[in-house]
Amino acid sequence: MSNEGPRPETLDWLARLVAFDTESSKSNLALIDSVAASLDDLGVPFVRVPNATGDKAALFATVGPRVDGGVVLSGHTDVVPVTGQAWSADPFTLRVADGRAYGRGAVDMKGFCALALAAIPRFLAADLKRPIHILLSYDEETTCLGVADTIARFGADLPRPGAVIVGEPTDLEVADAHKSIVTYLTTVHGHEAHSAKPMLGANAVMAAADLVSELNRIADAMIARGDASGRFDPPATTVHVGTIAGGTARNILPKVCTFHWEFRGLPDLDMGEIPALFEAKVRTVLRDRLNRYGDYGRIETLEEVSVPGLAPEPGSAAERLALRVAERNHTISVPYATEAGRFQVAGIPTVVCGPGSIDQAHQPDEYITLAALKAGEAFMDRLIAACVAP
């Protein structure tokens, strides 16, 4: 491959996208408006798909015939926060130096979005036999729900694609599998009393400790079960408790204790198994611990985020296409969750394949290399060739 850098239009688009502060807690509408204006100038049809509150939106654009069976290039517009990170320059101003393009979202994943948007004139110039769609989403970094409303319209007022490529950074390796992630907040409600007379109340912290111990047991069982596919690192479904808080003083039975926990499941995990095991323990703790001396307490668990995993589909339309245009001969798995599972649950073949390395994501001075962007341009050119061929 030539040592020359990426096309100017790719860097122009990347600079333009990075300039929008689209941290997940903020609106992405200014970015969507900017992209929409460019699509209007190019005569590319698109639809906005707003969220329920109207402060965010996805955008779905189509180049080529408006028929089913096309390919979606899916990228999220939101980024993780920069607060507390030691950036050497403004994170929302693209800086190109030493063969790298620095900026928040440069690799995760405005780089892929920039490549797709910069390629639109080349898409338009080609005699596409099947459409290329660009889907820009939101809230990937928090819930992965920003694609859901668009997916619901596939086959209704939007063409139903035959394949989806989610452009998360994989160094253009083709990933056909990743774990699910489900997160919870459990709140144990006890009853305050003097610690010298525990029978007059219910200790929320001690009840919560029993539940956390159960999560440890479940985690060990998942480790023992392992990963039959041999594809994941770590090679098991994982269970994790991230925070715990409760109590007011050492000599008062705690009234409330809360803890956040999660599991990251292998693609073949029954998503109801771990919650069912946990709820069975909840019933035991309620009976034997929290309400031992009276009807004092209750336990509530709120599911906060649930992102489905991506299961391998050997020989799927998405896998065949991505391997061809990425010039790879095998697939990989990735350790992080993506929007890909939501497409797959809807019955659309999906893989993850994008430029750059996940190792640079979420870091201060996040970057994508210029070589990775240039490789991404070649990927787009080969995609055009694949969509021109009958």
Protein backbone atom coordinates (compact mmCIF):
# COMPACT_ATOMS: atom_id res chain seq x y z
CA MET A 1 0.00 0.00 0.00
CA SER A 2 1.20 3.52 -0.76
CA ASN A 3 2.74 5.55 2.06
CA GLU A 4 0.59 8.51 1.09
CA GLY A 5 -2.03 9.56 3.60
CA PRO A 6 -5.80 9.38 3.31
CA ARG A 7 -7.76 11.55 0.91
CA PRO A 8 -8.31 15.17 2.01
CA GLU A 9 -12.07 14.66 2.10
CA THR A 10 -11.67 11.87 4.67
CA LEU A 11 -9.71 14.11 7.02
CA ASP A 12 -12.09 16.98 6.36
CA TRP A 13 -15.04 14.84 7.39
CA LEU A 14 -13.21 13.51 10.43
CA ALA A 15 -12.32 17.03 11.57
CA ARG A 16 -15.91 18.10 11.06
CA LEU A 17 -17.34 15.20 13.09
CA VAL A 18 -14.78 15.44 15.91
CA ALA A 19 -15.61 19.14 16.31
CA PHE A 20 -19.04 18.24 17.68
CA ASP A 21 -19.06 17.45 21.40
CA THR A 22 -21.40 14.47 21.27
CA GLU A 23 -20.71 12.90 24.64
CA SER A 24 -23.54 10.47 25.34
CA SER A 25 -25.09 12.76 27.95
CA LYS A 26 -25.47 15.50 25.32
CA SER A 27 -27.47 16.00 22.14
CA ASN A 28 -26.08 14.91 18.77
CA LEU A 29 -28.54 17.02 16.75
CA ALA A 30 -25.99 19.62 15.62
CA LEU A 31 -23.87 16.85 14.09
CA ILE A 32 -26.91 15.25 12.45
CA ASP A 33 -28.00 18.63 11.06
CA SER A 34 -24.55 19.16 9.57
CA VAL A 35 -24.51 15.74 7.90
CA ALA A 36 -28.07 16.23 6.66
CA ALA A 37 -27.12 19.53 4.99
CA SER A 38 -24.30 17.80 3.11
CA LEU A 39 -26.59 14.96 2.03
CA ASP A 40 -29.09 17.51 0.73
CA ASP A 41 -26.32 19.16 -1.29
CA LEU A 42 -25.42 15.79 -2.80
CA GLY A 43 -29.03 14.83 -3.48
CA VAL A 44 -28.81 11.76 -1.23
CA PRO A 45 -32.13 10.74 0.33
CA PHE A 46 -32.18 10.20 4.08
CA VAL A 47 -34.50 10.03 7.05
CA ARG A 48 -34.01 11.20 10.60
CA VAL A 49 -35.12 8.85 13.35
CA PRO A 50 -35.46 10.91 16.55
CA ASN A 51 -35.53 9.55 20.07
CA ALA A 52 -38.62 9.88 22.26
CA THR A 53 -37.56 13.19 23.80
CA GLY A 54 -36.39 14.73 20.52
CA ASP A 55 -32.94 15.73 21.76
CA LYS A 56 -31.11 13.06 19.75
CA ALA A 57 -31.59 11.39 16.39
CA ALA A 58 -30.26 8.67 14.16
CA LEU A 59 -29.85 9.28 10.44
CA PHE A 60 -30.36 6.68 7.70
CA ALA A 61 -29.13 7.55 4.20
CA THR A 62 -29.32 5.49 1.02
CA VAL A 63 -27.15 5.58 -2.09
CA GLY A 64 -28.22 3.39 -4.99
CA PRO A 65 -31.49 1.66 -5.80
CA ARG A 66 -34.14 1.79 -3.08
CA VAL A 67 -34.54 -1.95 -2.79
CA ASP A 68 -34.12 -4.59 -0.12
CA GLY A 69 -30.89 -6.53 0.18
CA GLY A 70 -28.37 -3.72 0.48
CA VAL A 71 -25.57 -3.27 2.97
CA VAL A 72 -25.68 -0.96 5.98
CA LEU A 73 -22.55 0.79 7.21
CA SER A 74 -23.43 1.49 10.83
CA GLY A 75 -21.55 3.92 13.05
CA HIS A 76 -22.41 5.71 16.29
CA THR A 77 -22.01 9.46 16.70
CA ASP A 78 -21.76 9.55 20.51
CA VAL A 79 -18.45 9.49 22.36
CA VAL A 80 -17.33 8.88 25.93
CA PRO A 81 -16.58 11.83 28.24
CA VAL A 82 -13.25 13.64 28.38
CA THR A 83 -13.71 14.89 31.94
CA GLY A 84 -10.73 14.09 34.12
CA GLN A 85 -8.54 12.95 31.23
CA ALA A 86 -5.17 14.60 30.56
CA TRP A 87 -5.44 15.66 26.91
CA SER A 88 -2.46 17.46 25.41
CA ALA A 89 -4.77 19.57 23.19
CA ASP A 90 -8.45 20.34 22.68
CA PRO A 91 -10.14 16.92 22.33
CA PHE A 92 -12.77 18.39 19.99
CA THR A 93 -10.30 19.82 17.49
CA LEU A 94 -8.73 17.25 15.18
CA ARG A 95 -4.95 17.32 15.36
CA VAL A 96 -2.87 15.51 12.74
CA ALA A 97 0.70 14.75 13.73
CA ASP A 98 3.22 11.91 13.53
CA GLY A 99 1.02 9.79 11.26
CA ARG A 100 -1.96 10.02 13.57
CA ALA A 101 -5.25 11.92 13.74
CA TYR A 102 -6.04 12.84 17.36
CA GLY A 103 -9.45 13.74 18.79
CA ARG A 104 -12.27 12.37 20.89
CA GLY A 105 -14.04 9.77 18.80
CA ALA A 106 -11.31 9.67 16.16
CA VAL A 107 -11.18 5.90 16.34
CA ASP A 108 -14.38 5.15 18.28
CA MET A 109 -15.95 5.65 15.89
CA LYS A 110 -16.08 8.88 13.96
CA GLY A 111 -13.22 7.61 11.83
CA PHE A 112 -15.49 4.97 10.29
CA CYS A 113 -18.33 7.48 9.93
CA ALA A 114 -15.98 9.91 8.17
CA LEU A 115 -14.82 7.20 5.77
CA ALA A 116 -18.41 6.32 4.85
CA LEU A 117 -19.49 9.95 4.40
CA ALA A 118 -16.38 10.86 2.40
CA ALA A 119 -17.05 7.90 0.09
CA ILE A 120 -20.56 9.07 -0.85
CA PRO A 121 -19.43 10.85 -4.05
CA ARG A 122 -17.70 7.62 -5.08
CA PHE A 123 -20.85 5.66 -4.23
CA LEU A 124 -22.87 8.06 -6.39
CA ALA A 125 -20.48 7.76 -9.32
CA ALA A 126 -20.72 3.98 -9.33
CA ASP A 127 -23.47 1.97 -10.97
CA LEU A 128 -24.56 0.30 -7.75
CA LYS A 129 -26.67 -2.79 -8.26
CA ARG A 130 -27.53 -2.94 -4.58
CA PRO A 131 -27.76 0.02 -2.21
CA ILE A 132 -25.23 1.16 0.32
CA HIS A 133 -26.88 2.63 3.40
CA ILE A 134 -25.20 4.76 6.05
CA LEU A 135 -26.71 4.63 9.54
CA LEU A 136 -25.47 7.13 12.12
CA SER A 137 -26.75 6.30 15.59
CA TYR A 138 -26.57 7.63 19.16
CA ASP A 139 -26.26 6.25 22.71
CA GLU A 140 -24.05 3.34 21.72
CA GLU A 141 -21.71 4.09 24.59
CA THR A 142 -24.53 3.80 27.12
CA THR A 143 -27.33 1.49 25.96
CA CYS A 144 -26.80 0.57 22.29
CA LEU A 145 -30.46 1.53 21.81
CA GLY A 146 -29.85 4.34 19.31
CA VAL A 147 -30.30 1.93 16.38
CA ALA A 148 -33.46 0.26 17.68
CA ASP A 149 -36.06 2.60 16.18
CA THR A 150 -34.38 2.50 12.78
CA ILE A 151 -34.20 -1.30 12.84
CA ALA A 152 -37.92 -1.41 13.61
CA ARG A 153 -38.60 0.41 10.33
CA PHE A 154 -36.63 -2.00 8.13
CA GLY A 155 -39.03 -3.71 5.76
CA ALA A 156 -41.73 -1.14 6.51
CA ASP A 157 -40.93 2.36 5.25
CA LEU A 158 -37.19 1.66 4.99
CA PRO A 159 -35.55 -0.99 2.79
CA ARG A 160 -34.63 -4.18 4.63
CA PRO A 161 -30.86 -4.67 4.31
CA GLY A 162 -29.25 -7.98 3.51
CA ALA A 163 -26.15 -7.32 5.59
CA VAL A 164 -24.83 -4.91 8.22
CA ILE A 165 -21.23 -3.93 8.89
CA VAL A 166 -20.80 -2.20 12.24
CA GLY A 167 -17.61 -0.19 11.91
CA GLU A 168 -16.19 -0.44 15.44
CA PRO A 169 -12.38 -0.50 15.42
CA THR A 170 -11.13 -4.01 14.68
CA ASP A 171 -8.07 -3.14 12.55
CA LEU A 172 -10.35 -4.23 9.69
CA GLU A 173 -10.48 -7.78 10.99
CA VAL A 174 -13.95 -9.29 10.61
CA ALA A 175 -15.54 -9.99 14.01
CA ASP A 176 -18.54 -12.30 14.03
CA ALA A 177 -18.92 -12.74 17.79
CA HIS A 178 -18.94 -10.77 21.01
CA LYS A 179 -20.42 -11.12 24.48
CA SER A 180 -23.66 -9.63 25.73
CA ILE A 181 -23.72 -7.18 28.61
CA VAL A 182 -26.54 -6.74 31.12
CA THR A 183 -26.26 -4.34 34.07
CA TYR A 184 -28.37 -4.07 37.20
CA LEU A 185 -28.92 -1.94 40.28
CA THR A 186 -30.05 -3.91 43.33
CA THR A 187 -31.44 -2.06 46.35
CA VAL A 188 -31.89 -3.84 49.67
CA HIS A 189 -34.34 -2.13 52.01
CA GLY A 190 -33.93 -3.02 55.68
CA HIS A 191 -35.14 -1.50 58.94
CA GLU A 192 -33.03 0.63 61.29
CA ALA A 193 -32.51 -0.45 64.90
CA HIS A 194 -29.76 -0.40 67.53
CA SER A 195 -27.01 -2.85 66.62
CA ALA A 196 -27.25 -4.34 70.11
CA LYS A 197 -30.79 -5.49 69.30
CA PRO A 198 -30.66 -6.89 65.73
CA MET A 199 -33.97 -8.68 66.22
CA LEU A 200 -35.72 -5.29 66.18
CA GLY A 201 -34.80 -4.57 62.57
CA ALA A 202 -33.24 -5.84 59.36
CA ASN A 203 -29.63 -5.29 58.31
CA ALA A 204 -29.61 -4.24 54.64
CA VAL A 205 -25.81 -4.46 54.34
CA MET A 206 -25.59 -8.01 55.63
CA ALA A 207 -28.42 -9.08 53.34
CA ALA A 208 -26.66 -7.41 50.41
CA ALA A 209 -23.46 -9.26 51.39
CA ASP A 210 -25.29 -12.56 51.03
CA LEU A 211 -26.39 -11.52 47.54
CA VAL A 212 -22.91 -10.43 46.52
CA SER A 213 -21.58 -13.76 47.80
CA GLU A 214 -24.10 -15.47 45.55
CA LEU A 215 -22.84 -13.46 42.58
CA ASN A 216 -19.33 -14.66 43.46
CA ARG A 217 -20.63 -18.23 43.42
CA ILE A 218 -22.33 -17.70 40.06
CA ALA A 219 -19.15 -16.12 38.68
CA ASP A 220 -17.11 -19.15 39.77
CA ALA A 221 -19.64 -21.49 38.19
CA MET A 222 -19.39 -19.58 34.91
CA ILE A 223 -15.59 -19.78 35.02
CA ALA A 224 -15.80 -23.52 35.60
CA ARG A 225 -18.20 -23.88 32.67
CA GLY A 226 -15.72 -22.05 30.45
CA ASP A 227 -15.99 -21.25 26.76
CA ALA A 228 -16.61 -24.25 24.56
CA SER A 229 -15.82 -22.20 21.44
CA GLY A 230 -12.32 -21.32 22.65
CA ARG A 231 -12.70 -17.88 21.07
CA PHE A 232 -13.07 -15.49 23.99
CA ASP A 233 -10.69 -13.80 26.40
CA PRO A 234 -11.50 -14.23 29.22
CA PRO A 235 -12.80 -17.67 28.24
CA ALA A 236 -16.06 -17.55 30.19
CA THR A 237 -19.16 -15.55 30.98
CA THR A 238 -18.11 -13.01 33.62
CA VAL A 239 -20.05 -11.64 36.61
CA HIS A 240 -18.95 -8.44 38.32
CA VAL A 241 -20.02 -6.19 41.22
CA GLY A 242 -18.85 -2.63 40.60
CA THR A 243 -20.19 -0.52 43.49
CA ILE A 244 -21.73 -1.08 46.90
CA ALA A 245 -22.94 1.49 49.42
CA GLY A 246 -25.04 1.45 52.56
CA GLY A 247 -25.40 2.24 56.22
CA THR A 248 -25.05 5.38 58.36
CA ALA A 249 -23.08 4.33 61.46
CA ARG A 250 -21.39 1.24 62.84
CA ASN A 251 -23.98 0.83 65.61
CA ILE A 252 -27.14 1.25 63.52
CA LEU A 253 -28.68 -1.55 61.49
CA PRO A 254 -28.42 -0.20 57.91
CA LYS A 255 -31.72 0.80 56.37
CA VAL A 256 -30.57 0.70 52.73
CA CYS A 257 -27.76 -0.90 50.75
CA THR A 258 -27.33 -0.64 46.98
CA PHE A 259 -24.95 -2.33 44.59
CA HIS A 260 -24.37 -2.25 40.84
CA TRP A 261 -23.59 -5.52 39.11
CA GLU A 262 -23.35 -6.94 35.63
CA PHE A 263 -22.72 -10.02 33.58
CA ARG A 264 -21.06 -10.29 30.20
CA GLY A 265 -22.35 -13.43 28.59
CA LEU A 266 -20.95 -15.71 25.93
CA PRO A 267 -23.18 -15.74 22.83
CA ASP A 268 -24.63 -19.15 23.74
CA LEU A 269 -25.62 -18.14 27.28
CA ASP A 270 -29.33 -18.26 28.10
CA MET A 271 -29.85 -14.59 28.99
CA GLY A 272 -32.36 -15.55 31.68
CA GLU A 273 -30.10 -17.99 33.53
CA ILE A 274 -28.10 -15.62 35.73
CA PRO A 275 -31.06 -13.38 36.67
CA ALA A 276 -33.03 -16.52 37.62
CA LEU A 277 -30.21 -17.80 39.84
CA PHE A 278 -29.91 -14.38 41.47
CA GLU A 279 -33.66 -14.08 42.09
CA ALA A 280 -33.72 -17.53 43.71
CA LYS A 281 -31.11 -16.27 46.18
CA VAL A 282 -33.11 -13.08 46.71
CA ARG A 283 -36.07 -15.16 47.90
CA THR A 284 -33.86 -17.06 50.31
CA VAL A 285 -32.26 -13.89 51.69
CA LEU A 286 -35.66 -12.28 52.16
CA ARG A 287 -36.87 -15.27 54.16
CA ASP A 288 -33.77 -16.24 56.12
CA ARG A 289 -31.95 -12.97 56.59
CA LEU A 290 -33.85 -9.78 55.94
CA ASN A 291 -37.21 -10.79 57.39
CA ARG A 292 -36.00 -13.29 59.98
CA TYR A 293 -37.50 -11.28 62.85
CA GLY A 294 -40.49 -9.74 61.11
CA ASP A 295 -41.78 -8.25 57.92
CA TYR A 296 -39.07 -5.59 57.80
CA GLY A 297 -37.48 -5.54 54.38
CA ARG A 298 -37.67 -5.92 50.63
CA ILE A 299 -35.24 -6.23 47.71
CA GLU A 300 -35.59 -4.55 44.33
CA THR A 301 -33.47 -5.16 41.23
CA LEU A 302 -33.63 -2.80 38.26
CA GLU A 303 -32.22 -3.84 34.89
CA GLU A 304 -30.41 -0.76 33.59
CA VAL A 305 -28.84 -1.87 30.29
CA SER A 306 -29.22 -5.01 28.23
CA VAL A 307 -27.16 -5.39 25.07
CA PRO A 308 -27.44 -8.71 23.21
CA GLY A 309 -24.34 -10.57 22.18
CA LEU A 310 -23.31 -11.34 18.62
CA ALA A 311 -23.35 -15.02 17.75
CA PRO A 312 -21.29 -16.48 14.89
CA GLU A 313 -23.21 -17.15 11.69
CA PRO A 314 -20.67 -18.92 9.47
CA GLY A 315 -21.22 -18.18 5.81
CA SER A 316 -23.74 -15.38 6.38
CA ALA A 317 -24.14 -12.66 3.78
CA ALA A 318 -22.47 -10.15 6.08
CA GLU A 319 -19.52 -12.41 6.80
CA ARG A 320 -18.93 -13.24 3.13
CA LEU A 321 -19.12 -9.59 2.10
CA ALA A 322 -16.91 -8.29 4.89
CA LEU A 323 -14.24 -10.95 4.39
CA ARG A 324 -14.15 -10.06 0.69
CA VAL A 325 -13.87 -6.31 1.06
CA ALA A 326 -11.53 -6.48 4.09
CA GLU A 327 -9.39 -9.04 2.27
CA ARG A 328 -9.39 -11.45 5.19
CA ASN A 329 -9.79 -15.22 5.27
CA HIS A 330 -11.02 -15.78 8.82
CA THR A 331 -13.16 -14.18 11.51
CA ILE A 332 -12.35 -13.11 15.05
CA SER A 333 -14.26 -12.34 18.25
CA VAL A 334 -14.00 -9.07 20.17
CA PRO A 335 -14.22 -8.53 23.96
CA TYR A 336 -16.49 -5.48 23.89
CA ALA A 337 -20.22 -5.17 23.20
CA THR A 338 -21.58 -3.33 20.15
CA GLU A 339 -24.84 -2.52 18.38
CA ALA A 340 -24.31 -5.58 16.16
CA GLY A 341 -26.35 -7.89 18.34
CA ARG A 342 -29.43 -5.69 17.95
CA PHE A 343 -29.30 -6.11 14.16
CA GLN A 344 -28.79 -9.85 14.51
CA VAL A 345 -31.74 -10.21 16.89
CA ALA A 346 -33.83 -8.56 14.14
CA GLY A 347 -32.75 -11.30 11.75
CA ILE A 348 -30.20 -9.29 9.77
CA PRO A 349 -26.76 -10.87 9.17
CA THR A 350 -24.21 -8.65 10.91
CA VAL A 351 -20.49 -8.43 11.56
CA VAL A 352 -18.18 -5.89 13.19
CA CYS A 353 -15.38 -4.53 11.03
CA GLY A 354 -13.77 -1.10 11.12
CA PRO A 355 -10.46 0.76 10.93
CA GLY A 356 -8.11 1.42 13.82
CA SER A 357 -7.55 -0.30 17.14
CA ILE A 358 -9.88 -0.47 20.15
CA ASP A 359 -6.73 -0.02 22.26
CA GLN A 360 -6.81 3.71 21.45
CA ALA A 361 -10.51 4.12 22.29
CA HIS A 362 -11.67 5.95 25.44
CA GLN A 363 -8.12 7.16 26.11
CA PRO A 364 -6.82 10.71 26.52
CA ASP A 365 -5.27 11.75 23.20
CA GLU A 366 -7.39 9.15 21.41
CA TYR A 367 -6.22 8.66 17.85
CA ILE A 368 -6.54 6.73 14.62
CA THR A 369 -3.52 6.30 12.41
CA LEU A 370 -3.47 7.82 8.95
CA ALA A 371 -2.52 4.36 7.65
CA ALA A 372 -5.72 2.96 9.17
CA LEU A 373 -7.79 5.65 7.49
CA LYS A 374 -6.14 4.93 4.16
CA ALA A 375 -6.85 1.21 4.62
CA GLY A 376 -10.45 2.17 5.38
CA GLU A 377 -10.67 4.05 2.08
CA ALA A 378 -9.51 0.93 0.24
CA PHE A 379 -12.16 -1.02 2.14
CA MET A 380 -14.83 1.40 0.89
CA ASP A 381 -13.56 1.15 -2.68
CA ARG A 382 -13.73 -2.64 -2.59
CA LEU A 383 -17.23 -2.38 -1.12
CA ILE A 384 -18.26 -0.29 -4.12
CA ALA A 385 -16.88 -2.95 -6.45
CA ALA A 386 -18.81 -5.63 -4.58
CA CYS A 387 -22.06 -3.63 -4.82
CA VAL A 388 -21.56 -2.92 -8.52
CA ALA A 389 -21.03 -6.56 -9.42
CA PRO A 390 -24.31 -8.39 -10.20
